[in-house]
Amino acid sequence: IEFLLCDGAFFFMEMNTRLQVEHPVTECVTGQDLVAWQLAVAEGKP
């Protein structure tokens, strides 16, 4: 979910219904593999 943040308020821009180009930075700070998560969810796992 993409927001614009201005003067302490946020506004919805759009939703990207996919993996983002920049997902590696989230993987680095969470220690998770988001592609592995995608495959697990597709297999019906929690």
All heavy atoms as atom14 arrays in JSON, in Angstrom:
{
  "sequence": "IEFLLCDGAFFFMEMNTRLQVEHPVTECVTGQDLVAWQLAVAEGKP",
  "atom14_mask": [
    [1, 1, 1, 1, 1, 1, 1, 1, 0, 0, 0, 0, 0, 0],
    [1, 1, 1, 1, 1, 1, 1, 1, 1, 0, 0, 0, 0, 0],
    [1, 1, 1, 1, 1, 1, 1, 1, 1, 1, 1, 0, 0, 0],
    [1, 1, 1, 1, 1, 1, 1, 1, 0, 0, 0, 0, 0, 0],
    [1, 1, 1, 1, 1, 1, 1, 1, 0, 0, 0, 0, 0, 0],
    [1, 1, 1, 1, 1, 1, 0, 0, 0, 0, 0, 0, 0, 0],
    [1, 1, 1, 1, 1, 1, 1, 1, 0, 0, 0, 0, 0, 0],
    [1, 1, 1, 1, 0, 0, 0, 0, 0, 0, 0, 0, 0, 0],
    [1, 1, 1, 1, 1, 0, 0, 0, 0, 0, 0, 0, 0, 0],
    [1, 1, 1, 1, 1, 1, 1, 1, 1, 1, 1, 0, 0, 0],
    [1, 1, 1, 1, 1, 1, 1, 1, 1, 1, 1, 0, 0, 0],
    [1, 1, 1, 1, 1, 1, 1, 1, 1, 1, 1, 0, 0, 0],
    [1, 1, 1, 1, 1, 1, 1, 1, 0, 0, 0, 0, 0, 0],
    [1, 1, 1, 1, 1, 1, 1, 1, 1, 0, 0, 0, 0, 0],
    [1, 1, 1, 1, 1, 1, 1, 1, 0, 0, 0, 0, 0, 0],
    [1, 1, 1, 1, 1, 1, 1, 1, 0, 0, 0, 0, 0, 0],
    [1, 1, 1, 1, 1, 1, 1, 0, 0, 0, 0, 0, 0, 0],
    [1, 1, 1, 1, 1, 1, 1, 1, 1, 1, 1, 0, 0, 0],
    [1, 1, 1, 1, 1, 1, 1, 1, 0, 0, 0, 0, 0, 0],
    [1, 1, 1, 1, 1, 1, 1, 1, 1, 0, 0, 0, 0, 0],
    [1, 1, 1, 1, 1, 1, 1, 0, 0, 0, 0, 0, 0, 0],
    [1, 1, 1, 1, 1, 1, 1, 1, 1, 0, 0, 0, 0, 0],
    [1, 1, 1, 1, 1, 1, 1, 1, 1, 1, 0, 0, 0, 0],
    [1, 1, 1, 1, 1, 1, 1, 0, 0, 0, 0, 0, 0, 0],
    [1, 1, 1, 1, 1, 1, 1, 0, 0, 0, 0, 0, 0, 0],
    [1, 1, 1, 1, 1, 1, 1, 0, 0, 0, 0, 0, 0, 0],
    [1, 1, 1, 1, 1, 1, 1, 1, 1, 0, 0, 0, 0, 0],
    [1, 1, 1, 1, 1, 1, 0, 0, 0, 0, 0, 0, 0, 0],
    [1, 1, 1, 1, 1, 1, 1, 0, 0, 0, 0, 0, 0, 0],
    [1, 1, 1, 1, 1, 1, 1, 0, 0, 0, 0, 0, 0, 0],
    [1, 1, 1, 1, 0, 0, 0, 0, 0, 0, 0, 0, 0, 0],
    [1, 1, 1, 1, 1, 1, 1, 1, 1, 0, 0, 0, 0, 0],
    [1, 1, 1, 1, 1, 1, 1, 1, 0, 0, 0, 0, 0, 0],
    [1, 1, 1, 1, 1, 1, 1, 1, 0, 0, 0, 0, 0, 0],
    [1, 1, 1, 1, 1, 1, 1, 0, 0, 0, 0, 0, 0, 0],
    [1, 1, 1, 1, 1, 0, 0, 0, 0, 0, 0, 0, 0, 0],
    [1, 1, 1, 1, 1, 1, 1, 1, 1, 1, 1, 1, 1, 1],
    [1, 1, 1, 1, 1, 1, 1, 1, 1, 0, 0, 0, 0, 0],
    [1, 1, 1, 1, 1, 1, 1, 1, 0, 0, 0, 0, 0, 0],
    [1, 1, 1, 1, 1, 0, 0, 0, 0, 0, 0, 0, 0, 0],
    [1, 1, 1, 1, 1, 1, 1, 0, 0, 0, 0, 0, 0, 0],
    [1, 1, 1, 1, 1, 0, 0, 0, 0, 0, 0, 0, 0, 0],
    [1, 1, 1, 1, 1, 1, 1, 1, 1, 0, 0, 0, 0, 0],
    [1, 1, 1, 1, 0, 0, 0, 0, 0, 0, 0, 0, 0, 0],
    [1, 1, 1, 1, 1, 1, 1, 1, 1, 0, 0, 0, 0, 0],
    [1, 1, 1, 1, 1, 1, 1, 0, 0, 0, 0, 0, 0, 0]
  ],
  "atom14_positions": [
    [[0.87, -1.18, 0.0], [0.0, 0.0, 0.0], [0.91, 1.23, 0.0], [1.74, 1.39, 0.89], [-0.91, 0.03, 1.24], [-1.68, -1.28, 1.38], [-1.87, 1.22, 1.14], [-2.68, -1.55, 0.29], [0.0, 0.0, 0.0], [0.0, 0.0, 0.0], [0.0, 0.0, 0.0], [0.0, 0.0, 0.0], [0.0, 0.0, 0.0], [0.0, 0.0, 0.0]],
    [[0.74, 2.07, -1.0], [1.58, 3.25, -1.15], [0.84, 4.49, -0.66], [-0.32, 4.72, -1.04], [2.01, 3.42, -2.61], [2.83, 2.24, -3.12], [3.47, 2.51, -4.46], [2.99, 3.41, -5.19], [4.46, 1.82, -4.79], [0.0, 0.0, 0.0], [0.0, 0.0, 0.0], [0.0, 0.0, 0.0], [0.0, 0.0, 0.0], [0.0, 0.0, 0.0]],
    [[1.54, 5.26, 0.19], [0.97, 6.49, 0.74], [1.86, 7.68, 0.37], [3.07, 7.54, 0.17], [0.89, 6.42, 2.27], [-0.03, 5.37, 2.81], [0.49, 4.24, 3.44], [-1.4, 5.51, 2.72], [-0.36, 3.27, 3.96], [-2.26, 4.55, 3.24], [-1.73, 3.42, 3.86], [0.0, 0.0, 0.0], [0.0, 0.0, 0.0], [0.0, 0.0, 0.0]],
    [[1.25, 8.85, 0.3], [1.98, 10.1, 0.31], [1.92, 10.66, 1.72], [0.83, 10.73, 2.32], [1.37, 11.11, -0.68], [1.67, 10.89, -2.16], [0.95, 11.92, -3.01], [3.17, 10.95, -2.42], [0.0, 0.0, 0.0], [0.0, 0.0, 0.0], [0.0, 0.0, 0.0], [0.0, 0.0, 0.0], [0.0, 0.0, 0.0], [0.0, 0.0, 0.0]],
    [[3.06, 11.03, 2.25], [3.15, 11.55, 3.61], [3.55, 13.01, 3.54], [4.6, 13.36, 2.97], [4.19, 10.75, 4.4], [4.42, 11.12, 5.86], [3.16, 10.91, 6.68], [5.57, 10.3, 6.43], [0.0, 0.0, 0.0], [0.0, 0.0, 0.0], [0.0, 0.0, 0.0], [0.0, 0.0, 0.0], [0.0, 0.0, 0.0], [0.0, 0.0, 0.0]],
    [[2.71, 13.89, 4.1], [2.97, 15.34, 4.01], [2.46, 16.01, 5.28], [1.27, 15.87, 5.63], [2.26, 15.91, 2.78], [2.64, 17.63, 2.43], [0.0, 0.0, 0.0], [0.0, 0.0, 0.0], [0.0, 0.0, 0.0], [0.0, 0.0, 0.0], [0.0, 0.0, 0.0], [0.0, 0.0, 0.0], [0.0, 0.0, 0.0], [0.0, 0.0, 0.0]],
    [[3.35, 16.71, 5.97], [2.99, 17.47, 7.18], [2.27, 16.6, 8.21], [1.28, 17.01, 8.83], [2.11, 18.67, 6.81], [2.83, 19.67, 5.92], [4.06, 19.81, 6.07], [2.18, 20.3, 5.08], [0.0, 0.0, 0.0], [0.0, 0.0, 0.0], [0.0, 0.0, 0.0], [0.0, 0.0, 0.0], [0.0, 0.0, 0.0], [0.0, 0.0, 0.0]],
    [[2.77, 15.39, 8.4], [2.22, 14.52, 9.42], [0.94, 13.81, 9.05], [0.38, 13.07, 9.87], [0.0, 0.0, 0.0], [0.0, 0.0, 0.0], [0.0, 0.0, 0.0], [0.0, 0.0, 0.0], [0.0, 0.0, 0.0], [0.0, 0.0, 0.0], [0.0, 0.0, 0.0], [0.0, 0.0, 0.0], [0.0, 0.0, 0.0], [0.0, 0.0, 0.0]],
    [[0.44, 14.0, 7.82], [-0.77, 13.32, 7.35], [-0.42, 12.4, 6.19], [0.48, 12.7, 5.41], [-1.82, 14.34, 6.92], [0.0, 0.0, 0.0], [0.0, 0.0, 0.0], [0.0, 0.0, 0.0], [0.0, 0.0, 0.0], [0.0, 0.0, 0.0], [0.0, 0.0, 0.0], [0.0, 0.0, 0.0], [0.0, 0.0, 0.0], [0.0, 0.0, 0.0]],
    [[-1.13, 11.27, 6.09], [-0.86, 10.36, 4.98], [-2.1, 10.19, 4.12], [-3.23, 10.26, 4.59], [-0.34, 9.01, 5.49], [-1.32, 8.21, 6.32], [-2.14, 7.26, 5.74], [-1.39, 8.4, 7.69], [-3.03, 6.52, 6.49], [-2.27, 7.65, 8.46], [-3.1, 6.71, 7.86], [0.0, 0.0, 0.0], [0.0, 0.0, 0.0], [0.0, 0.0, 0.0]],
    [[-1.86, 9.98, 2.83], [-2.93, 9.84, 1.85], [-2.67, 8.61, 0.98], [-1.55, 8.41, 0.51], [-3.01, 11.08, 0.95], [-3.21, 12.37, 1.68], [-2.12, 13.14, 2.07], [-4.49, 12.82, 2.0], [-2.3, 14.34, 2.73], [-4.67, 14.0, 2.68], [-3.58, 14.78, 3.05], [0.0, 0.0, 0.0], [0.0, 0.0, 0.0], [0.0, 0.0, 0.0]],
    [[-3.71, 7.83, 0.76], [-3.59, 6.64, -0.09], [-3.31, 7.04, -1.53], [-3.95, 7.93, -2.09], [-4.9, 5.84, -0.02], [-4.96, 4.69, -0.98], [-4.37, 3.47, -0.67], [-5.61, 4.82, -2.2], [-4.42, 2.4, -1.54], [-5.67, 3.75, -3.09], [-5.08, 2.54, -2.76], [0.0, 0.0, 0.0], [0.0, 0.0, 0.0], [0.0, 0.0, 0.0]],
    [[-2.31, 6.4, -2.13], [-2.03, 6.58, -3.56], [-2.55, 5.41, -4.37], [-3.36, 5.57, -5.27], [-0.52, 6.73, -3.8], [0.04, 8.11, -3.62], [1.63, 8.25, -4.47], [2.6, 6.97, -3.69], [0.0, 0.0, 0.0], [0.0, 0.0, 0.0], [0.0, 0.0, 0.0], [0.0, 0.0, 0.0], [0.0, 0.0, 0.0], [0.0, 0.0, 0.0]],
    [[-2.03, 4.21, -4.05], [-2.4, 3.04, -4.81], [-1.93, 1.8, -4.08], [-1.15, 1.87, -3.13], [-1.79, 3.07, -6.21], [-0.26, 3.03, -6.22], [0.32, 3.2, -7.61], [-0.22, 4.02, -8.36], [1.28, 2.52, -7.94], [0.0, 0.0, 0.0], [0.0, 0.0, 0.0], [0.0, 0.0, 0.0], [0.0, 0.0, 0.0], [0.0, 0.0, 0.0]],
    [[-2.42, 0.66, -4.56], [-1.95, -0.62, -4.04], [-1.3, -1.39, -5.18], [-1.84, -1.48, -6.28], [-3.09, -1.46, -3.47], [-2.62, -2.8, -2.91], [-3.95, -3.78, -2.2], [-3.01, -5.11, -1.42], [0.0, 0.0, 0.0], [0.0, 0.0, 0.0], [0.0, 0.0, 0.0], [0.0, 0.0, 0.0], [0.0, 0.0, 0.0], [0.0, 0.0, 0.0]],
    [[-0.12, -1.93, -4.92], [0.55, -2.82, -5.87], [0.27, -4.25, -5.44], [0.74, -4.7, -4.38], [2.04, -2.56, -5.92], [2.36, -1.18, -6.47], [3.07, -0.4, -5.86], [1.84, -0.86, -7.64], [0.0, 0.0, 0.0], [0.0, 0.0, 0.0], [0.0, 0.0, 0.0], [0.0, 0.0, 0.0], [0.0, 0.0, 0.0], [0.0, 0.0, 0.0]],
    [[-0.48, -4.98, -6.25], [-0.93, -6.32, -5.89], [0.08, -7.37, -6.34], [-0.25, -8.32, -7.06], [-2.31, -6.59, -6.51], [-2.23, -6.35, -7.93], [-3.36, -5.69, -5.91], [0.0, 0.0, 0.0], [0.0, 0.0, 0.0], [0.0, 0.0, 0.0], [0.0, 0.0, 0.0], [0.0, 0.0, 0.0], [0.0, 0.0, 0.0], [0.0, 0.0, 0.0]],
    [[1.32, -7.2, -5.91], [2.42, -8.06, -6.35], [3.61, -7.84, -5.43], [3.56, -6.99, -4.52], [2.82, -7.71, -7.78], [3.13, -6.21, -7.95], [3.74, -5.88, -9.28], [3.76, -4.46, -9.56], [4.63, -3.59, -9.07], [5.55, -4.01, -8.22], [4.58, -2.31, -9.4], [0.0, 0.0, 0.0], [0.0, 0.0, 0.0], [0.0, 0.0, 0.0]],
    [[4.67, -8.53, -5.71], [5.95, -8.29, -5.04], [6.56, -7.02, -5.63], [6.52, -6.81, -6.84], [6.88, -9.48, -5.28], [8.13, -9.6, -4.41], [7.74, -9.9, -2.97], [9.02, -10.71, -4.95], [0.0, 0.0, 0.0], [0.0, 0.0, 0.0], [0.0, 0.0, 0.0], [0.0, 0.0, 0.0], [0.0, 0.0, 0.0], [0.0, 0.0, 0.0]],
    [[7.12, -6.17, -4.78], [7.71, -4.92, -5.25], [9.18, -5.1, -5.65], [9.88, -5.97, -5.13], [7.65, -3.86, -4.14], [6.26, -3.35, -3.84], [5.81, -2.3, -4.86], [5.32, -2.64, -5.92], [5.95, -1.05, -4.52], [0.0, 0.0, 0.0], [0.0, 0.0, 0.0], [0.0, 0.0, 0.0], [0.0, 0.0, 0.0], [0.0, 0.0, 0.0]],
    [[9.64, -4.24, -6.54], [11.05, -4.24, -6.91], [11.93, -4.1, -5.67], [12.97, -4.74, -5.54], [11.34, -3.08, -7.9], [12.83, -3.01, -8.23], [10.52, -3.25, -9.18], [0.0, 0.0, 0.0], [0.0, 0.0, 0.0], [0.0, 0.0, 0.0], [0.0, 0.0, 0.0], [0.0, 0.0, 0.0], [0.0, 0.0, 0.0], [0.0, 0.0, 0.0]],
    [[11.5, -3.25, -4.75], [12.32, -2.92, -3.59], [12.12, -3.86, -2.4], [12.53, -3.54, -1.26], [12.07, -1.48, -3.15], [10.63, -1.14, -2.82], [9.81, -0.69, -4.04], [10.21, -0.99, -5.18], [8.78, -0.05, -3.83], [0.0, 0.0, 0.0], [0.0, 0.0, 0.0], [0.0, 0.0, 0.0], [0.0, 0.0, 0.0], [0.0, 0.0, 0.0]],
    [[11.53, -5.04, -2.61], [11.29, -5.95, -1.49], [12.57, -6.39, -0.76], [12.49, -6.75, 0.42], [10.52, -7.19, -1.98], [11.33, -8.18, -2.74], [11.56, -8.09, -4.09], [12.01, -9.29, -2.32], [12.31, -9.09, -4.48], [12.61, -9.84, -3.44], [0.0, 0.0, 0.0], [0.0, 0.0, 0.0], [0.0, 0.0, 0.0], [0.0, 0.0, 0.0]],
    [[13.77, -6.37, -1.39], [14.96, -6.81, -0.64], [15.25, -6.01, 0.62], [15.79, -6.57, 1.59], [16.09, -6.67, -1.66], [15.43, -6.87, -2.98], [14.1, -6.2, -2.83], [0.0, 0.0, 0.0], [0.0, 0.0, 0.0], [0.0, 0.0, 0.0], [0.0, 0.0, 0.0], [0.0, 0.0, 0.0], [0.0, 0.0, 0.0], [0.0, 0.0, 0.0]],
    [[14.93, -4.71, 0.65], [15.24, -3.95, 1.87], [14.37, -4.42, 3.03], [14.81, -4.44, 4.19], [15.1, -2.42, 1.65], [16.16, -1.92, 0.7], [13.71, -2.04, 1.17], [0.0, 0.0, 0.0], [0.0, 0.0, 0.0], [0.0, 0.0, 0.0], [0.0, 0.0, 0.0], [0.0, 0.0, 0.0], [0.0, 0.0, 0.0], [0.0, 0.0, 0.0]],
    [[13.13, -4.83, 2.74], [12.27, -5.39, 3.78], [12.8, -6.74, 4.22], [12.8, -7.07, 5.42], [10.83, -5.51, 3.27], [10.32, -4.2, 3.0], [9.94, -6.2, 4.29], [0.0, 0.0, 0.0], [0.0, 0.0, 0.0], [0.0, 0.0, 0.0], [0.0, 0.0, 0.0], [0.0, 0.0, 0.0], [0.0, 0.0, 0.0], [0.0, 0.0, 0.0]],
    [[13.3, -7.54, 3.28], [13.89, -8.83, 3.64], [15.09, -8.65, 4.55], [15.29, -9.42, 5.5], [14.28, -9.59, 2.38], [13.08, -10.04, 1.54], [13.47, -10.9, 0.36], [14.53, -10.63, -0.25], [12.73, -11.83, 0.02], [0.0, 0.0, 0.0], [0.0, 0.0, 0.0], [0.0, 0.0, 0.0], [0.0, 0.0, 0.0], [0.0, 0.0, 0.0]],
    [[15.89, -7.62, 4.28], [17.09, -7.39, 5.09], [16.76, -7.04, 6.52], [17.4, -7.54, 7.47], [17.95, -6.29, 4.46], [18.83, -6.78, 2.96], [0.0, 0.0, 0.0], [0.0, 0.0, 0.0], [0.0, 0.0, 0.0], [0.0, 0.0, 0.0], [0.0, 0.0, 0.0], [0.0, 0.0, 0.0], [0.0, 0.0, 0.0], [0.0, 0.0, 0.0]],
    [[15.77, -6.18, 6.73], [15.49, -5.71, 8.09], [14.57, -6.66, 8.85], [14.5, -6.6, 10.09], [14.89, -4.29, 8.1], [15.89, -3.29, 7.52], [13.57, -4.23, 7.35], [0.0, 0.0, 0.0], [0.0, 0.0, 0.0], [0.0, 0.0, 0.0], [0.0, 0.0, 0.0], [0.0, 0.0, 0.0], [0.0, 0.0, 0.0], [0.0, 0.0, 0.0]],
    [[13.86, -7.56, 8.15], [13.01, -8.53, 8.84], [13.66, -9.91, 8.94], [13.22, -10.75, 9.74], [11.66, -8.7, 8.12], [11.89, -9.17, 6.78], [10.89, -7.38, 8.08], [0.0, 0.0, 0.0], [0.0, 0.0, 0.0], [0.0, 0.0, 0.0], [0.0, 0.0, 0.0], [0.0, 0.0, 0.0], [0.0, 0.0, 0.0], [0.0, 0.0, 0.0]],
    [[14.68, -10.16, 8.1], [15.3, -11.47, 8.08], [14.43, -12.53, 7.44], [14.65, -13.74, 7.64], [0.0, 0.0, 0.0], [0.0, 0.0, 0.0], [0.0, 0.0, 0.0], [0.0, 0.0, 0.0], [0.0, 0.0, 0.0], [0.0, 0.0, 0.0], [0.0, 0.0, 0.0], [0.0, 0.0, 0.0], [0.0, 0.0, 0.0], [0.0, 0.0, 0.0]],
    [[13.44, -12.12, 6.64], [12.51, -13.05, 6.01], [12.73, -13.1, 4.49], [13.22, -12.14, 3.89], [11.05, -12.63, 6.3], [10.72, -12.53, 7.77], [10.87, -13.86, 8.49], [10.44, -14.9, 8.01], [11.51, -13.83, 9.66], [0.0, 0.0, 0.0], [0.0, 0.0, 0.0], [0.0, 0.0, 0.0], [0.0, 0.0, 0.0], [0.0, 0.0, 0.0]],
    [[12.34, -14.2, 3.87], [12.39, -14.38, 2.42], [10.96, -14.24, 1.91], [10.13, -15.15, 2.07], [12.95, -15.77, 2.09], [13.11, -16.01, 0.59], [12.35, -15.42, -0.2], [14.0, -16.8, 0.2], [0.0, 0.0, 0.0], [0.0, 0.0, 0.0], [0.0, 0.0, 0.0], [0.0, 0.0, 0.0], [0.0, 0.0, 0.0], [0.0, 0.0, 0.0]],
    [[10.65, -13.12, 1.29], [9.27, -12.85, 0.89], [8.81, -13.73, -0.26], [7.62, -14.02, -0.39], [9.1, -11.37, 0.53], [9.38, -10.37, 1.66], [8.9, -8.97, 1.26], [8.71, -10.8, 2.96], [0.0, 0.0, 0.0], [0.0, 0.0, 0.0], [0.0, 0.0, 0.0], [0.0, 0.0, 0.0], [0.0, 0.0, 0.0], [0.0, 0.0, 0.0]],
    [[9.72, -14.17, -1.12], [9.33, -15.1, -2.18], [8.94, -16.45, -1.56], [7.96, -17.08, -1.98], [10.47, -15.27, -3.21], [10.13, -16.37, -4.22], [10.73, -13.96, -3.94], [0.0, 0.0, 0.0], [0.0, 0.0, 0.0], [0.0, 0.0, 0.0], [0.0, 0.0, 0.0], [0.0, 0.0, 0.0], [0.0, 0.0, 0.0], [0.0, 0.0, 0.0]],
    [[9.68, -16.89, -0.55], [9.32, -18.12, 0.16], [7.96, -17.98, 0.82], [7.15, -18.93, 0.83], [10.39, -18.47, 1.2], [0.0, 0.0, 0.0], [0.0, 0.0, 0.0], [0.0, 0.0, 0.0], [0.0, 0.0, 0.0], [0.0, 0.0, 0.0], [0.0, 0.0, 0.0], [0.0, 0.0, 0.0], [0.0, 0.0, 0.0], [0.0, 0.0, 0.0]],
    [[7.67, -16.8, 1.37], [6.35, -16.55, 1.94], [5.27, -16.67, 0.87], [4.21, -17.26, 1.11], [6.3, -15.14, 2.56], [6.87, -15.01, 3.94], [8.02, -15.57, 4.41], [6.31, -14.28, 5.02], [8.22, -15.21, 5.71], [7.19, -14.41, 6.12], [5.18, -13.5, 5.17], [6.94, -13.81, 7.35], [4.92, -12.89, 6.4], [5.8, -13.06, 7.48]],
    [[5.53, -16.09, -0.32], [4.54, -16.16, -1.39], [4.23, -17.62, -1.75], [3.06, -17.98, -1.94], [5.06, -15.45, -2.63], [5.06, -13.93, -2.56], [5.48, -13.33, -3.89], [6.6, -13.52, -4.35], [4.57, -12.61, -4.52], [0.0, 0.0, 0.0], [0.0, 0.0, 0.0], [0.0, 0.0, 0.0], [0.0, 0.0, 0.0], [0.0, 0.0, 0.0]],
    [[5.26, -18.43, -1.87], [5.07, -19.82, -2.24], [4.33, -20.59, -1.15], [3.46, -21.43, -1.43], [6.42, -20.46, -2.54], [7.16, -19.88, -3.75], [8.6, -20.4, -3.81], [6.43, -20.19, -5.06], [0.0, 0.0, 0.0], [0.0, 0.0, 0.0], [0.0, 0.0, 0.0], [0.0, 0.0, 0.0], [0.0, 0.0, 0.0], [0.0, 0.0, 0.0]],
    [[4.64, -20.28, 0.11], [3.96, -20.95, 1.22], [2.47, -20.6, 1.25], [1.62, -21.48, 1.45], [4.62, -20.56, 2.54], [0.0, 0.0, 0.0], [0.0, 0.0, 0.0], [0.0, 0.0, 0.0], [0.0, 0.0, 0.0], [0.0, 0.0, 0.0], [0.0, 0.0, 0.0], [0.0, 0.0, 0.0], [0.0, 0.0, 0.0], [0.0, 0.0, 0.0]],
    [[2.15, -19.33, 1.06], [0.75, -18.89, 1.05], [0.0, -19.57, -0.1], [-1.15, -20.0, 0.04], [0.67, -17.36, 0.94], [-0.75, -16.91, 0.59], [1.11, -16.71, 2.25], [0.0, 0.0, 0.0], [0.0, 0.0, 0.0], [0.0, 0.0, 0.0], [0.0, 0.0, 0.0], [0.0, 0.0, 0.0], [0.0, 0.0, 0.0], [0.0, 0.0, 0.0]],
    [[0.66, -19.69, -1.26], [0.02, -20.33, -2.41], [-0.24, -21.81, -2.16], [-1.12, -22.42, -2.77], [0.89, -20.16, -3.65], [0.0, 0.0, 0.0], [0.0, 0.0, 0.0], [0.0, 0.0, 0.0], [0.0, 0.0, 0.0], [0.0, 0.0, 0.0], [0.0, 0.0, 0.0], [0.0, 0.0, 0.0], [0.0, 0.0, 0.0], [0.0, 0.0, 0.0]],
    [[0.53, -22.42, -1.26], [0.32, -23.81, -0.89], [-0.73, -23.98, 0.21], [-0.99, -25.09, 0.67], [1.64, -24.44, -0.43], [2.64, -24.62, -1.56], [3.96, -25.22, -1.11], [4.25, -25.16, 0.11], [4.7, -25.75, -1.97], [0.0, 0.0, 0.0], [0.0, 0.0, 0.0], [0.0, 0.0, 0.0], [0.0, 0.0, 0.0], [0.0, 0.0, 0.0]],
    [[-1.34, -22.86, 0.63], [-2.37, -22.91, 1.65], [-1.87, -22.87, 3.06], [-2.63, -23.06, 4.02], [0.0, 0.0, 0.0], [0.0, 0.0, 0.0], [0.0, 0.0, 0.0], [0.0, 0.0, 0.0], [0.0, 0.0, 0.0], [0.0, 0.0, 0.0], [0.0, 0.0, 0.0], [0.0, 0.0, 0.0], [0.0, 0.0, 0.0], [0.0, 0.0, 0.0]],
    [[-0.59, -22.6, 3.27], [-0.01, -22.56, 4.6], [-0.3, -21.21, 5.26], [-0.5, -20.21, 4.59], [1.5, -22.79, 4.53], [1.9, -24.15, 3.99], [3.41, -24.27, 3.83], [3.81, -25.62, 3.27], [5.27, -25.71, 3.01], [0.0, 0.0, 0.0], [0.0, 0.0, 0.0], [0.0, 0.0, 0.0], [0.0, 0.0, 0.0], [0.0, 0.0, 0.0]],
    [[-0.28, -21.17, 6.6], [-0.46, -19.89, 7.29], [0.79, -19.02, 7.18], [1.88, -19.52, 6.88], [-0.72, -20.3, 8.74], [-0.01, -21.62, 8.87], [-0.16, -22.3, 7.54], [0.0, 0.0, 0.0], [0.0, 0.0, 0.0], [0.0, 0.0, 0.0], [0.0, 0.0, 0.0], [0.0, 0.0, 0.0], [0.0, 0.0, 0.0], [0.0, 0.0, 0.0]]
  ]
}
